[in-house]
Amino acid sequence: MDKIAVLIPCFNEEKTIAKVIRDAKAALPEAVIYVYDNNSTDATGAIAAREGAVVRREYMQGKGNVIRRMFREIEARCYIMVDGDDTYPMEFAPEMVKKVLEHNADMVVGDRLSSTYFEENKRPFHNMGNSLVRASINHLFGCKVKDIMTGFRAFSYGFVKTFPVLSRGFEIETEMTIHAVYNNMQIDNVIVEYRDRPEGSVSKLNTYSDGFRVLGTIFRLYRDYKPFGFFSLLGLVLAVIAVLFFIPVLLEFLGTGLVLKFPTLIVCGFVMLAAIQSFFAGLILSNMAMKNRRDFEYRLTLVCQKQQSTQEEEK
């Protein structure tokens, strides 16, 4: 088991990967550097190998698929994940490692938004999207995470080996954050400087399509992790619709003693039944979610025990 593993997912980063590897070596001399080449059509893999990194390949396209492969294959006490585009200064990595190894953090967020991100990033819709995603998750999940979409993070062994990677693309960062928040894992924050990509380096993130995927991920995970809140809100909306359409029918009946809009009355009845059903579905799914959390705690305990026994054997 490595003490520190630096994980660099890459797709066509030949212009920057050498500098990222050299910076990682300088900041963390004891770390093993892993570069996972995600079907690059340039010399990214060859350059990384020449710089002394362990180069592996993931043939399923998408950052989420690369992270899944990394987390499965690599064993380490602390993991540092950083993009290969040289937008994150590696001199902040030792502080992040320290929070994992000495302060029991499960995930350390490299916070760009509290420093230079909004000045350095030249894509205004990315700025707006980052702020929207941060506000949405902090409100829906009752947390105070400073940067949701950052690609610069540190993880504990327990986090990596219990995190179920479901996303295939750039929404993976959102999924990591919500997983840590929901399972009450320790999240620490380190403010890092951000610099825009150097000239000639092209972002793989599509502002609109990937942005909608991220919002869809938030919606899906809120439904899965907070089913009572989700289905209660849905039930409330249905109940309000049923009442609004029922009021004219009721007023007409009180005034004339007749019900002339039977179809509306029937629809109102079915919509109200759907609202009640949604509420009770939320209750049932909430109990199931609680059971999943208990199972997760049990799995986390087993993983941590495995880590401790491995460390003792290595000693």
Foldseek 3Di string as FASTA:
>chain_A
DAAEEEEEEDAAQVVQQLVVLVQLCVQCVRYAYEYEYAPHPDCNQVSCVVSPHHYHYDPQDAPLSSLLVCLVPDDHQKYKFAYRQPFFRCNCVVVQSCCVPPVVAAKEDAAAPVDCCVVADPDVLVVVLQVVLQVLCCVLLVHRDRTQQHRTMMGGNLLSNLQDRDDGYSLRSNSSVVVCSLLVGHYHYDYTHTHDGDPPDDDPDDSPPVSVVNVVVSVVVSCQSQVLVVLLVVLVVLLVVLVVLCVVQVVVCVVPVDRPCVVSNVVSVVSNVSSVVSNVVSVVSNVVSVVVSVVSVVVSVVSVVVVVVVVVVVD
